[in-house]
Amino acid sequence: MRYAVLGTGIVGRTVAARLLSLGHEVVIGTRDPAATLERTEYATWQQAHAAAGLAPFAEAARLGEVLVNATGGQVSVAALTDADAAHLDGKILIDIANPLDFSRGFPPGLEPVDSDSLGELIQRTFPGLRVVKTLNTMNCQVMVDPARVPGDHTVFLSGEDAEAKKAVRELLYSFDWREHTVIDLGGIETARGTEMLLPIWLRLMGTLGHTDFNFHIQGANRTE
C-alpha cells in the first residue's frame, strides 16, 4: 500500500517509520520540501529512512492511496487545500491531528470545540474524502507501539464510511492493536469527544512526567 503522510513533525515521522517497517511505500507531504530538508531533525530522520519520499502536499496526495493527516490541527485544512481536491476524492484520510490552539500560550485550548471538531471540519470541507478519526488520544510512540503501555488500553474510531473504518481497523491491527481494544464510536461527529480528551491528556502528561500512558475503557466489551 502507498501511504501519503501529510506533516513532517515527530508524529508524521513516527507513523511513517512504522508504515515503512511494515513494508508499505511512504511519501511525506510538506509545503516546501527544500526547507524541510534543511531542518536537522528531518534530514537526520530521512537518512535513517531513505525509502521515504518527500514531496509537496499535492504530489504526495496524488501518489498516496491512503492519506494520513499528521499536520498541526490549526493548519490541516490549509494543507489539504494545498493537496488539491482532485487528489483527495474517494481516498481514505486517517486524521490523527488535534485542533490545538496555542494563541493564549500553554496549555493550549481547542478550536474548533464543543459543537464542531477538526474531523468534522475536514470532512465538511472535503466531502470527497473518507475521513476516519483515530489515534489522536495518545502519544505518537504509543500510536504505533501500544505495548509501551502495559495491559489493555483503548483506541477510538470515528467516521461515516464503514469500509474506510474497516480498512483503518486492519491498519491498527498491523500496529499491534488488538481487536477488543478498538472502539468504533460512530459517525464523524463523535470526533468532538476524542479531541476534547486532549486537555486532560496534557494535564496527565504534566502530572505523570511522561507520555507512555493511554485511556482504557473498562467494560467496553460487555454483551449482556
N, C-alpha and C. Protein backbone atom coordinates (compact mmCIF):
# COMPACT_ATOMS: atom_id res chain seq x y z
N MET A 1 0.85 -1.19 0.00
CA MET A 1 0.00 0.00 0.00
C MET A 1 0.88 1.24 0.00
N ARG A 2 0.46 2.26 -0.72
CA ARG A 2 1.18 3.53 -0.74
C ARG A 2 0.47 4.54 0.17
N TYR A 3 1.18 5.00 1.16
CA TYR A 3 0.65 5.97 2.11
C TYR A 3 1.29 7.33 1.88
N ALA A 4 0.48 8.37 1.95
CA ALA A 4 0.98 9.74 1.98
C ALA A 4 0.75 10.27 3.38
N VAL A 5 1.83 10.53 4.09
CA VAL A 5 1.75 11.09 5.43
C VAL A 5 1.97 12.60 5.31
N LEU A 6 0.93 13.35 5.59
CA LEU A 6 0.99 14.81 5.47
C LEU A 6 1.45 15.39 6.80
N GLY A 7 2.62 15.97 6.81
CA GLY A 7 3.19 16.52 8.04
C GLY A 7 4.54 15.91 8.33
N THR A 8 5.51 16.76 8.67
CA THR A 8 6.89 16.31 8.84
C THR A 8 7.37 16.37 10.29
N GLY A 9 6.47 16.64 11.22
CA GLY A 9 6.84 16.68 12.63
C GLY A 9 7.04 15.29 13.21
N ILE A 10 7.21 15.23 14.52
CA ILE A 10 7.51 13.96 15.18
C ILE A 10 6.39 12.95 14.98
N VAL A 11 5.14 13.40 14.95
CA VAL A 11 4.03 12.46 14.77
C VAL A 11 4.08 11.85 13.37
N GLY A 12 4.20 12.69 12.36
CA GLY A 12 4.27 12.19 10.99
C GLY A 12 5.45 11.28 10.77
N ARG A 13 6.61 11.65 11.31
CA ARG A 13 7.80 10.83 11.12
C ARG A 13 7.66 9.48 11.83
N THR A 14 7.06 9.48 13.00
CA THR A 14 6.91 8.23 13.75
C THR A 14 5.96 7.28 13.03
N VAL A 15 4.83 7.80 12.56
CA VAL A 15 3.88 6.95 11.83
C VAL A 15 4.49 6.47 10.52
N ALA A 16 5.18 7.36 9.82
CA ALA A 16 5.81 6.98 8.55
C ALA A 16 6.82 5.87 8.76
N ALA A 17 7.64 5.97 9.81
CA ALA A 17 8.64 4.94 10.08
C ALA A 17 7.98 3.59 10.34
N ARG A 18 6.87 3.59 11.06
CA ARG A 18 6.17 2.33 11.33
C ARG A 18 5.59 1.74 10.05
N LEU A 19 5.03 2.58 9.21
CA LEU A 19 4.50 2.10 7.94
C LEU A 19 5.61 1.50 7.08
N LEU A 20 6.76 2.15 7.04
CA LEU A 20 7.89 1.61 6.28
C LEU A 20 8.32 0.26 6.83
N SER A 21 8.32 0.14 8.16
CA SER A 21 8.76 -1.12 8.77
C SER A 21 7.83 -2.27 8.43
N LEU A 22 6.59 -1.95 8.07
CA LEU A 22 5.60 -2.96 7.70
C LEU A 22 5.62 -3.26 6.20
N GLY A 23 6.52 -2.61 5.47
CA GLY A 23 6.67 -2.88 4.05
C GLY A 23 5.84 -2.01 3.13
N HIS A 24 5.20 -0.97 3.67
CA HIS A 24 4.42 -0.06 2.85
C HIS A 24 5.34 0.97 2.17
N GLU A 25 4.87 1.50 1.06
CA GLU A 25 5.53 2.64 0.44
C GLU A 25 5.01 3.91 1.12
N VAL A 26 5.91 4.85 1.36
CA VAL A 26 5.53 6.06 2.08
C VAL A 26 6.14 7.28 1.40
N VAL A 27 5.29 8.30 1.20
CA VAL A 27 5.78 9.61 0.79
C VAL A 27 5.30 10.61 1.83
N ILE A 28 6.19 11.49 2.24
CA ILE A 28 5.87 12.53 3.22
C ILE A 28 5.47 13.78 2.47
N GLY A 29 4.36 14.36 2.88
CA GLY A 29 3.91 15.60 2.27
C GLY A 29 4.28 16.81 3.11
N THR A 30 4.78 17.85 2.46
CA THR A 30 5.19 19.07 3.14
C THR A 30 4.92 20.26 2.22
N ARG A 31 4.88 21.44 2.79
CA ARG A 31 4.64 22.62 1.96
C ARG A 31 5.87 22.95 1.11
N ASP A 32 7.07 22.78 1.67
CA ASP A 32 8.30 23.18 0.99
C ASP A 32 9.36 22.11 1.23
N PRO A 33 9.52 21.14 0.34
CA PRO A 33 10.50 20.07 0.56
C PRO A 33 11.92 20.57 0.81
N ALA A 34 12.36 21.59 0.09
CA ALA A 34 13.73 22.08 0.26
C ALA A 34 13.93 22.62 1.68
N ALA A 35 12.94 23.38 2.16
CA ALA A 35 13.05 23.92 3.52
C ALA A 35 12.99 22.80 4.55
N THR A 36 12.18 21.79 4.29
CA THR A 36 12.09 20.66 5.22
C THR A 36 13.43 19.95 5.34
N LEU A 37 14.11 19.75 4.23
CA LEU A 37 15.39 19.05 4.24
C LEU A 37 16.48 19.85 4.93
N GLU A 38 16.27 21.14 5.09
CA GLU A 38 17.24 21.97 5.79
C GLU A 38 17.11 21.85 7.31
N ARG A 39 16.01 21.27 7.77
CA ARG A 39 15.82 21.08 9.21
C ARG A 39 16.61 19.85 9.65
N THR A 40 17.46 20.03 10.62
CA THR A 40 18.36 18.96 11.05
C THR A 40 17.61 17.71 11.48
N GLU A 41 16.54 17.89 12.25
CA GLU A 41 15.83 16.70 12.75
C GLU A 41 15.20 15.90 11.62
N TYR A 42 14.71 16.62 10.58
CA TYR A 42 14.13 15.88 9.47
C TYR A 42 15.22 15.25 8.60
N ALA A 43 16.27 15.97 8.33
CA ALA A 43 17.36 15.44 7.50
C ALA A 43 17.96 14.19 8.14
N THR A 44 18.12 14.21 9.46
CA THR A 44 18.65 13.04 10.16
C THR A 44 17.70 11.87 10.03
N TRP A 45 16.41 12.14 10.20
CA TRP A 45 15.40 11.08 10.06
C TRP A 45 15.42 10.53 8.63
N GLN A 46 15.51 11.40 7.64
CA GLN A 46 15.49 10.98 6.25
C GLN A 46 16.67 10.06 5.93
N GLN A 47 17.82 10.35 6.50
CA GLN A 47 18.99 9.49 6.28
C GLN A 47 18.74 8.09 6.81
N ALA A 48 18.02 7.99 7.92
CA ALA A 48 17.73 6.68 8.52
C ALA A 48 16.56 5.99 7.86
N HIS A 49 15.79 6.72 7.06
CA HIS A 49 14.59 6.17 6.41
C HIS A 49 14.61 6.58 4.94
N ALA A 50 15.64 6.15 4.25
CA ALA A 50 15.87 6.60 2.87
C ALA A 50 14.76 6.19 1.92
N ALA A 51 13.99 5.18 2.28
CA ALA A 51 12.92 4.72 1.39
C ALA A 51 11.74 5.68 1.36
N ALA A 52 11.66 6.56 2.33
CA ALA A 52 10.54 7.51 2.38
C ALA A 52 10.75 8.62 1.36
N GLY A 53 9.73 8.90 0.57
CA GLY A 53 9.79 10.03 -0.34
C GLY A 53 9.42 11.32 0.36
N LEU A 54 9.72 12.42 -0.26
CA LEU A 54 9.35 13.74 0.25
C LEU A 54 8.87 14.57 -0.92
N ALA A 55 7.68 15.16 -0.78
CA ALA A 55 7.08 15.86 -1.91
C ALA A 55 6.15 16.96 -1.40
N PRO A 56 5.84 17.94 -2.25
CA PRO A 56 4.81 18.91 -1.87
C PRO A 56 3.49 18.21 -1.61
N PHE A 57 2.63 18.88 -0.86
CA PHE A 57 1.37 18.25 -0.46
C PHE A 57 0.60 17.67 -1.64
N ALA A 58 0.50 18.42 -2.73
CA ALA A 58 -0.30 17.97 -3.87
C ALA A 58 0.28 16.69 -4.48
N GLU A 59 1.60 16.63 -4.62
CA GLU A 59 2.23 15.46 -5.21
C GLU A 59 2.11 14.26 -4.28
N ALA A 60 2.29 14.49 -2.99
CA ALA A 60 2.16 13.40 -2.02
C ALA A 60 0.74 12.84 -2.04
N ALA A 61 -0.25 13.73 -2.06
CA ALA A 61 -1.64 13.28 -2.08
C ALA A 61 -1.97 12.54 -3.36
N ARG A 62 -1.38 12.96 -4.46
CA ARG A 62 -1.60 12.26 -5.73
C ARG A 62 -1.05 10.84 -5.68
N LEU A 63 0.12 10.69 -5.05
CA LEU A 63 0.77 9.39 -5.02
C LEU A 63 0.15 8.44 -4.00
N GLY A 64 -0.36 8.98 -2.91
CA GLY A 64 -0.85 8.14 -1.83
C GLY A 64 -2.18 7.49 -2.14
N GLU A 65 -2.28 6.19 -1.86
CA GLU A 65 -3.58 5.51 -1.95
C GLU A 65 -4.41 5.77 -0.69
N VAL A 66 -3.72 5.90 0.44
CA VAL A 66 -4.33 6.27 1.71
C VAL A 66 -3.54 7.44 2.26
N LEU A 67 -4.23 8.42 2.83
CA LEU A 67 -3.59 9.61 3.37
C LEU A 67 -3.65 9.60 4.89
N VAL A 68 -2.63 10.15 5.52
CA VAL A 68 -2.59 10.32 6.97
C VAL A 68 -2.39 11.79 7.26
N ASN A 69 -3.32 12.40 8.00
CA ASN A 69 -3.18 13.80 8.36
C ASN A 69 -2.44 13.90 9.69
N ALA A 70 -1.14 14.23 9.61
CA ALA A 70 -0.32 14.44 10.79
C ALA A 70 0.17 15.88 10.85
N THR A 71 -0.55 16.79 10.20
CA THR A 71 -0.23 18.22 10.27
C THR A 71 -0.74 18.79 11.58
N GLY A 72 -0.28 19.97 11.94
CA GLY A 72 -0.86 20.67 13.08
C GLY A 72 -2.32 20.98 12.81
N GLY A 73 -3.17 20.74 13.80
CA GLY A 73 -4.61 20.86 13.58
C GLY A 73 -5.06 22.22 13.08
N GLN A 74 -4.34 23.28 13.44
CA GLN A 74 -4.74 24.62 13.01
C GLN A 74 -4.42 24.88 11.54
N VAL A 75 -3.58 24.04 10.94
CA VAL A 75 -3.23 24.24 9.53
C VAL A 75 -3.65 23.06 8.66
N SER A 76 -4.42 22.13 9.22
CA SER A 76 -4.79 20.92 8.47
C SER A 76 -5.60 21.24 7.22
N VAL A 77 -6.58 22.12 7.35
CA VAL A 77 -7.42 22.45 6.19
C VAL A 77 -6.59 23.13 5.11
N ALA A 78 -5.68 24.01 5.52
CA ALA A 78 -4.81 24.68 4.54
C ALA A 78 -3.92 23.66 3.83
N ALA A 79 -3.38 22.70 4.57
CA ALA A 79 -2.52 21.68 3.97
C ALA A 79 -3.30 20.83 2.98
N LEU A 80 -4.50 20.45 3.35
CA LEU A 80 -5.33 19.64 2.45
C LEU A 80 -5.79 20.45 1.25
N THR A 81 -6.01 21.75 1.43
CA THR A 81 -6.33 22.61 0.29
C THR A 81 -5.16 22.64 -0.68
N ASP A 82 -3.94 22.73 -0.15
CA ASP A 82 -2.75 22.68 -1.00
C ASP A 82 -2.65 21.33 -1.71
N ALA A 83 -3.14 20.28 -1.05
CA ALA A 83 -3.06 18.94 -1.66
C ALA A 83 -3.93 18.81 -2.89
N ASP A 84 -4.98 19.65 -3.00
CA ASP A 84 -5.84 19.69 -4.19
C ASP A 84 -6.91 18.62 -4.12
N ALA A 85 -8.16 19.05 -4.13
CA ALA A 85 -9.31 18.14 -4.03
C ALA A 85 -9.28 17.06 -5.11
N ALA A 86 -8.69 17.35 -6.25
CA ALA A 86 -8.63 16.35 -7.32
C ALA A 86 -7.82 15.14 -6.91
N HIS A 87 -6.91 15.32 -5.94
CA HIS A 87 -6.09 14.21 -5.46
C HIS A 87 -6.65 13.57 -4.20
N LEU A 88 -7.79 14.08 -3.72
CA LEU A 88 -8.36 13.61 -2.46
C LEU A 88 -9.61 12.75 -2.64
N ASP A 89 -10.39 13.04 -3.64
CA ASP A 89 -11.70 12.40 -3.77
C ASP A 89 -11.60 10.88 -3.80
N GLY A 90 -12.41 10.27 -2.94
CA GLY A 90 -12.50 8.82 -2.87
C GLY A 90 -11.47 8.16 -1.98
N LYS A 91 -10.48 8.92 -1.51
CA LYS A 91 -9.41 8.33 -0.70
C LYS A 91 -9.75 8.37 0.78
N ILE A 92 -9.18 7.41 1.51
CA ILE A 92 -9.29 7.41 2.96
C ILE A 92 -8.29 8.41 3.53
N LEU A 93 -8.76 9.24 4.46
CA LEU A 93 -7.86 10.11 5.21
C LEU A 93 -7.93 9.69 6.67
N ILE A 94 -6.82 9.20 7.20
CA ILE A 94 -6.71 8.88 8.61
C ILE A 94 -6.29 10.15 9.33
N ASP A 95 -7.21 10.72 10.09
CA ASP A 95 -6.98 12.01 10.74
C ASP A 95 -6.51 11.77 12.17
N ILE A 96 -5.23 11.99 12.42
CA ILE A 96 -4.68 11.79 13.76
C ILE A 96 -4.32 13.12 14.42
N ALA A 97 -4.73 14.22 13.80
CA ALA A 97 -4.40 15.56 14.30
C ALA A 97 -5.42 16.03 15.32
N ASN A 98 -5.03 17.04 16.09
CA ASN A 98 -5.92 17.69 17.05
C ASN A 98 -5.86 19.20 16.86
N PRO A 99 -7.00 19.88 17.03
CA PRO A 99 -7.04 21.32 16.76
C PRO A 99 -6.53 22.16 17.93
N LEU A 100 -5.28 21.92 18.32
CA LEU A 100 -4.70 22.62 19.46
C LEU A 100 -4.44 24.08 19.11
N ASP A 101 -4.92 24.97 19.97
CA ASP A 101 -4.82 26.41 19.76
C ASP A 101 -3.90 26.99 20.83
N PHE A 102 -2.69 27.38 20.40
CA PHE A 102 -1.69 27.92 21.33
C PHE A 102 -1.69 29.44 21.38
N SER A 103 -2.75 30.07 20.86
CA SER A 103 -2.75 31.53 20.77
C SER A 103 -2.71 32.20 22.14
N ARG A 104 -3.12 31.48 23.19
CA ARG A 104 -3.08 32.04 24.54
C ARG A 104 -2.01 31.35 25.38
N GLY A 105 -1.07 30.70 24.73
CA GLY A 105 0.01 30.05 25.46
C GLY A 105 -0.29 28.60 25.78
N PHE A 106 0.38 28.11 26.81
CA PHE A 106 0.27 26.71 27.22
C PHE A 106 -0.39 26.64 28.60
N PRO A 107 -1.30 25.70 28.83
CA PRO A 107 -1.73 24.65 27.90
C PRO A 107 -2.65 25.21 26.83
N PRO A 108 -2.65 24.60 25.66
CA PRO A 108 -3.48 25.11 24.57
C PRO A 108 -4.95 24.82 24.78
N GLY A 109 -5.79 25.60 24.12
CA GLY A 109 -7.20 25.27 24.02
C GLY A 109 -7.45 24.49 22.74
N LEU A 110 -8.71 24.36 22.38
CA LEU A 110 -9.11 23.68 21.15
C LEU A 110 -9.95 24.63 20.31
N GLU A 111 -9.74 24.61 19.01
CA GLU A 111 -10.54 25.40 18.07
C GLU A 111 -10.53 24.71 16.71
N PRO A 112 -11.66 24.13 16.31
CA PRO A 112 -12.99 24.18 16.90
C PRO A 112 -13.13 23.24 18.11
N VAL A 113 -14.25 23.42 18.82
CA VAL A 113 -14.52 22.62 20.01
C VAL A 113 -16.01 22.66 20.31
N ASP A 114 -16.46 21.73 21.13
CA ASP A 114 -17.84 21.63 21.61
C ASP A 114 -18.83 21.23 20.51
N SER A 115 -19.23 22.17 19.67
CA SER A 115 -20.24 21.87 18.66
C SER A 115 -19.65 21.53 17.30
N ASP A 116 -18.33 21.36 17.25
CA ASP A 116 -17.66 21.00 16.00
C ASP A 116 -16.35 20.34 16.37
N SER A 117 -15.66 19.81 15.39
CA SER A 117 -14.37 19.17 15.61
C SER A 117 -13.54 19.31 14.34
N LEU A 118 -12.26 19.08 14.48
CA LEU A 118 -11.39 19.10 13.31
C LEU A 118 -11.80 18.00 12.33
N GLY A 119 -12.11 16.81 12.85
CA GLY A 119 -12.54 15.73 11.96
C GLY A 119 -13.73 16.12 11.12
N GLU A 120 -14.73 16.74 11.75
CA GLU A 120 -15.92 17.18 11.02
C GLU A 120 -15.59 18.29 10.03
N LEU A 121 -14.74 19.21 10.47
CA LEU A 121 -14.37 20.33 9.59
C LEU A 121 -13.70 19.82 8.32
N ILE A 122 -12.80 18.85 8.47
CA ILE A 122 -12.13 18.27 7.30
C ILE A 122 -13.14 17.56 6.42
N GLN A 123 -14.02 16.76 7.02
CA GLN A 123 -15.00 16.03 6.22
C GLN A 123 -15.94 16.97 5.49
N ARG A 124 -16.34 18.05 6.16
CA ARG A 124 -17.25 19.02 5.57
C ARG A 124 -16.58 19.81 4.44
N THR A 125 -15.30 20.14 4.63
CA THR A 125 -14.58 20.94 3.66
C THR A 125 -14.20 20.13 2.43
N PHE A 126 -13.95 18.84 2.64
CA PHE A 126 -13.53 17.94 1.55
C PHE A 126 -14.45 16.72 1.53
N PRO A 127 -15.69 16.91 1.06
CA PRO A 127 -16.69 15.84 1.14
C PRO A 127 -16.31 14.58 0.36
N GLY A 128 -15.38 14.70 -0.60
CA GLY A 128 -14.97 13.52 -1.34
C GLY A 128 -14.04 12.61 -0.57
N LEU A 129 -13.45 13.12 0.52
CA LEU A 129 -12.59 12.30 1.36
C LEU A 129 -13.43 11.37 2.23
N ARG A 130 -12.84 10.23 2.58
CA ARG A 130 -13.45 9.32 3.55
C ARG A 130 -12.64 9.43 4.84
N VAL A 131 -13.07 10.34 5.71
CA VAL A 131 -12.29 10.70 6.90
C VAL A 131 -12.57 9.71 8.03
N VAL A 132 -11.49 9.20 8.62
CA VAL A 132 -11.58 8.36 9.81
C VAL A 132 -10.68 8.98 10.87
N LYS A 133 -11.28 9.38 11.97
CA LYS A 133 -10.53 9.95 13.08
C LYS A 133 -10.09 8.82 14.01
N THR A 134 -8.80 8.77 14.31
CA THR A 134 -8.30 7.74 15.20
C THR A 134 -6.91 8.13 15.70
N LEU A 135 -6.44 7.46 16.76
CA LEU A 135 -5.07 7.58 17.27
C LEU A 135 -4.73 8.95 17.84
N ASN A 136 -5.70 9.86 17.93
CA ASN A 136 -5.39 11.22 18.34
C ASN A 136 -5.43 11.41 19.85
N THR A 137 -5.65 10.34 20.61
CA THR A 137 -5.80 10.46 22.06
C THR A 137 -4.58 9.94 22.81
N MET A 138 -3.43 9.85 22.14
CA MET A 138 -2.23 9.29 22.76
C MET A 138 -0.98 9.85 22.10
N ASN A 139 0.15 9.61 22.74
CA ASN A 139 1.44 9.99 22.18
C ASN A 139 1.73 9.18 20.93
N CYS A 140 2.52 9.75 20.01
CA CYS A 140 2.75 9.07 18.74
C CYS A 140 3.50 7.75 18.89
N GLN A 141 4.36 7.63 19.91
CA GLN A 141 5.05 6.36 20.11
C GLN A 141 4.08 5.26 20.51
N VAL A 142 3.07 5.61 21.27
CA VAL A 142 2.05 4.63 21.67
C VAL A 142 1.15 4.30 20.48
N MET A 143 0.91 5.27 19.61
CA MET A 143 0.10 5.01 18.41
C MET A 143 0.60 3.78 17.66
N VAL A 144 1.91 3.72 17.47
CA VAL A 144 2.49 2.69 16.60
C VAL A 144 3.05 1.51 17.38
N ASP A 145 3.07 1.60 18.71
CA ASP A 145 3.59 0.53 19.56
C ASP A 145 2.81 0.51 20.86
N PRO A 146 1.56 -0.02 20.83
CA PRO A 146 0.72 0.02 22.03
C PRO A 146 1.31 -0.74 23.21
N ALA A 147 2.27 -1.63 22.99
CA ALA A 147 2.88 -2.38 24.09
C ALA A 147 3.70 -1.47 25.02
N ARG A 148 3.95 -0.23 24.62
CA ARG A 148 4.64 0.72 25.51
C ARG A 148 3.82 0.97 26.78
N VAL A 149 2.50 0.77 26.68
CA VAL A 149 1.62 0.93 27.84
C VAL A 149 1.18 -0.46 28.28
N PRO A 150 1.49 -0.90 29.48
CA PRO A 150 1.14 -2.26 29.91
C PRO A 150 -0.37 -2.49 29.93
N GLY A 151 -0.78 -3.71 29.61
CA GLY A 151 -2.19 -4.07 29.70
C GLY A 151 -3.03 -3.52 28.57
N ASP A 152 -4.34 -3.73 28.69
CA ASP A 152 -5.27 -3.24 27.67
C ASP A 152 -5.45 -1.73 27.78
N HIS A 153 -5.55 -1.09 26.64
CA HIS A 153 -5.95 0.32 26.58
C HIS A 153 -6.59 0.55 25.23
N THR A 154 -7.20 1.70 25.04
CA THR A 154 -8.22 1.88 24.01
C THR A 154 -7.81 2.84 22.92
N VAL A 155 -8.20 2.48 21.69
CA VAL A 155 -8.08 3.39 20.56
C VAL A 155 -9.47 3.54 19.94
N PHE A 156 -9.84 4.75 19.57
CA PHE A 156 -11.19 5.06 19.09
C PHE A 156 -11.20 5.26 17.58
N LEU A 157 -12.37 5.01 16.99
CA LEU A 157 -12.62 5.27 15.57
C LEU A 157 -13.85 6.15 15.44
N SER A 158 -13.79 7.14 14.57
CA SER A 158 -14.96 7.95 14.22
C SER A 158 -14.96 8.16 12.72
N GLY A 159 -16.11 8.03 12.09
CA GLY A 159 -16.17 8.25 10.64
C GLY A 159 -17.49 7.79 10.07
N GLU A 160 -17.77 8.23 8.85
CA GLU A 160 -19.04 7.94 8.20
C GLU A 160 -19.01 6.71 7.29
N ASP A 161 -17.83 6.33 6.83
CA ASP A 161 -17.71 5.30 5.81
C ASP A 161 -17.29 3.98 6.44
N ALA A 162 -18.18 2.99 6.41
CA ALA A 162 -17.92 1.71 7.06
C ALA A 162 -16.72 0.99 6.46
N GLU A 163 -16.58 1.04 5.15
CA GLU A 163 -15.45 0.36 4.51
C GLU A 163 -14.13 1.05 4.86
N ALA A 164 -14.15 2.35 4.94
CA ALA A 164 -12.94 3.08 5.33
C ALA A 164 -12.55 2.72 6.76
N LYS A 165 -13.52 2.64 7.65
CA LYS A 165 -13.21 2.29 9.03
C LYS A 165 -12.70 0.86 9.13
N LYS A 166 -13.23 -0.03 8.31
CA LYS A 166 -12.73 -1.41 8.29
C LYS A 166 -11.26 -1.44 7.87
N ALA A 167 -10.92 -0.67 6.85
CA ALA A 167 -9.53 -0.62 6.38
C ALA A 167 -8.61 -0.04 7.45
N VAL A 168 -9.08 0.99 8.16
CA VAL A 168 -8.26 1.59 9.21
C VAL A 168 -8.10 0.62 10.38
N ARG A 169 -9.15 -0.13 10.69
CA ARG A 169 -9.03 -1.17 11.72
C ARG A 169 -7.90 -2.13 11.39
N GLU A 170 -7.85 -2.57 10.14
CA GLU A 170 -6.81 -3.52 9.74
C GLU A 170 -5.42 -2.91 9.91
N LEU A 171 -5.30 -1.62 9.62
CA LEU A 171 -4.02 -0.96 9.83
C LEU A 171 -3.68 -0.94 11.32
N LEU A 172 -4.66 -0.63 12.16
CA LEU A 172 -4.43 -0.62 13.60
C LEU A 172 -3.97 -2.00 14.09
N TYR A 173 -4.59 -3.04 13.57
CA TYR A 173 -4.17 -4.39 13.96
C TYR A 173 -2.72 -4.63 13.56
N SER A 174 -2.32 -4.12 12.41
CA SER A 174 -0.93 -4.30 11.97
C SER A 174 0.04 -3.53 12.85
N PHE A 175 -0.47 -2.49 13.55
CA PHE A 175 0.33 -1.76 14.53
C PHE A 175 0.35 -2.47 15.88
N ASP A 176 -0.31 -3.64 15.95
CA ASP A 176 -0.38 -4.48 17.15
C ASP A 176 -1.46 -4.06 18.14
N TRP A 177 -2.41 -3.23 17.69
CA TRP A 177 -3.62 -3.04 18.48
C TRP A 177 -4.46 -4.30 18.37
N ARG A 178 -5.06 -4.71 19.48
CA ARG A 178 -5.87 -5.91 19.47
C ARG A 178 -7.33 -5.56 19.22
N GLU A 179 -8.05 -6.49 18.63
CA GLU A 179 -9.41 -6.23 18.17
C GLU A 179 -10.29 -5.66 19.28
N HIS A 180 -10.20 -6.23 20.48
CA HIS A 180 -11.11 -5.80 21.55
C HIS A 180 -10.73 -4.44 22.14
N THR A 181 -9.60 -3.88 21.74
CA THR A 181 -9.21 -2.56 22.25
C THR A 181 -9.63 -1.42 21.33
N VAL A 182 -10.19 -1.76 20.17
CA VAL A 182 -10.63 -0.74 19.20
C VAL A 182 -12.12 -0.50 19.38
N ILE A 183 -12.51 0.73 19.67
CA ILE A 183 -13.92 1.07 19.89
C ILE A 183 -14.37 2.02 18.79
N ASP A 184 -15.37 1.59 18.03
CA ASP A 184 -15.99 2.42 16.99
C ASP A 184 -17.06 3.27 17.65
N LEU A 185 -16.83 4.57 17.71
CA LEU A 185 -17.77 5.48 18.38
C LEU A 185 -18.94 5.88 17.50
N GLY A 186 -18.83 5.66 16.18
CA GLY A 186 -19.91 6.05 15.28
C GLY A 186 -19.45 7.07 14.26
N GLY A 187 -20.33 8.01 13.94
CA GLY A 187 -20.08 8.98 12.88
C GLY A 187 -18.98 9.98 13.22
N ILE A 188 -18.63 10.79 12.23
CA ILE A 188 -17.50 11.70 12.40
C ILE A 188 -17.77 12.74 13.48
N GLU A 189 -19.04 13.00 13.82
CA GLU A 189 -19.31 13.97 14.88
C GLU A 189 -18.77 13.51 16.23
N THR A 190 -18.55 12.19 16.39
CA THR A 190 -18.00 11.69 17.66
C THR A 190 -16.54 12.06 17.84
N ALA A 191 -15.91 12.59 16.80
CA ALA A 191 -14.55 13.11 16.95
C ALA A 191 -14.50 14.27 17.93
N ARG A 192 -15.64 14.92 18.17
CA ARG A 192 -15.66 16.00 19.16
C ARG A 192 -15.19 15.48 20.51
N GLY A 193 -15.69 14.30 20.89
CA GLY A 193 -15.33 13.74 22.19
C GLY A 193 -13.87 13.36 22.29
N THR A 194 -13.34 12.71 21.26
CA THR A 194 -11.94 12.29 21.36
C THR A 194 -11.00 13.48 21.31
N GLU A 195 -11.33 14.49 20.52
CA GLU A 195 -10.49 15.68 20.50
C GLU A 195 -10.52 16.39 21.85
N MET A 196 -11.67 16.36 22.53
CA MET A 196 -11.77 17.04 23.82
C MET A 196 -11.09 16.27 24.94
N LEU A 197 -10.55 15.08 24.65
CA LEU A 197 -9.72 14.39 25.63
C LEU A 197 -8.33 15.03 25.74
N LEU A 198 -7.96 15.84 24.76
CA LEU A 198 -6.59 16.38 24.75
C LEU A 198 -6.27 17.27 25.95
N PRO A 199 -7.19 18.13 26.43
CA PRO A 199 -6.84 18.92 27.61
C PRO A 199 -6.50 18.05 28.82
N ILE A 200 -7.27 16.99 29.08
CA ILE A 200 -6.94 16.13 30.22
C ILE A 200 -5.67 15.34 29.93
N TRP A 201 -5.45 14.94 28.66
CA TRP A 201 -4.22 14.23 28.32
C TRP A 201 -3.00 15.09 28.63
N LEU A 202 -3.05 16.36 28.27
CA LEU A 202 -1.93 17.26 28.51
C LEU A 202 -1.67 17.44 30.00
N ARG A 203 -2.73 17.51 30.79
CA ARG A 203 -2.55 17.66 32.23
C ARG A 203 -2.01 16.38 32.86
N LEU A 204 -2.44 15.23 32.34
CA LEU A 204 -1.87 13.97 32.81
C LEU A 204 -0.39 13.89 32.49
N MET A 205 -0.01 14.33 31.30
CA MET A 205 1.40 14.33 30.93
C MET A 205 2.21 15.16 31.92
N GLY A 206 1.68 16.32 32.28
CA GLY A 206 2.39 17.15 33.24
C GLY A 206 2.48 16.53 34.61
N THR A 207 1.42 15.87 35.04
CA THR A 207 1.39 15.24 36.35
C THR A 207 2.27 14.00 36.41
N LEU A 208 2.19 13.16 35.37
CA LEU A 208 2.93 11.91 35.36
C LEU A 208 4.40 12.09 34.99
N GLY A 209 4.69 13.13 34.20
CA GLY A 209 6.06 13.38 33.80
C GLY A 209 6.54 12.53 32.65
N HIS A 210 5.62 11.88 31.95
CA HIS A 210 5.99 11.08 30.77
C HIS A 210 4.74 10.94 29.90
N THR A 211 4.90 10.30 28.73
CA THR A 211 3.78 10.17 27.77
C THR A 211 3.40 8.73 27.48
N ASP A 212 3.97 7.78 28.21
CA ASP A 212 3.64 6.38 27.98
C ASP A 212 2.42 5.97 28.80
N PHE A 213 1.29 6.59 28.46
CA PHE A 213 0.01 6.25 29.10
C PHE A 213 -1.09 6.39 28.07
N ASN A 214 -2.25 5.85 28.40
CA ASN A 214 -3.39 5.95 27.48
C ASN A 214 -4.67 5.73 28.28
N PHE A 215 -5.80 5.95 27.64
CA PHE A 215 -7.10 5.73 28.26
C PHE A 215 -7.54 4.28 28.05
N HIS A 216 -8.12 3.69 29.07
CA HIS A 216 -8.68 2.34 28.97
C HIS A 216 -10.13 2.39 29.39
N ILE A 217 -11.02 1.94 28.49
CA ILE A 217 -12.45 1.89 28.78
C ILE A 217 -12.79 0.49 29.27
N GLN A 218 -12.88 0.35 30.58
CA GLN A 218 -13.18 -0.96 31.17
C GLN A 218 -14.66 -1.29 30.99
N GLY A 219 -14.93 -2.56 30.65
CA GLY A 219 -16.31 -2.97 30.44
C GLY A 219 -16.82 -2.69 29.03
N ALA A 220 -15.93 -2.25 28.13
CA ALA A 220 -16.36 -1.89 26.78
C ALA A 220 -16.90 -3.07 26.00
N ASN A 221 -16.51 -4.29 26.37
CA ASN A 221 -16.87 -5.46 25.58
C ASN A 221 -17.99 -6.29 26.21
N ARG A 222 -18.71 -5.71 27.13
CA ARG A 222 -19.85 -6.41 27.72
C ARG A 222 -20.93 -6.60 26.66
N THR A 223 -21.53 -7.76 26.63
CA THR A 223 -22.57 -8.07 25.63
C THR A 223 -23.92 -8.32 26.26
N GLU A 224 -24.00 -8.46 27.60
CA GLU A 224 -25.30 -8.72 28.20
C GLU A 224 -26.15 -7.47 28.27
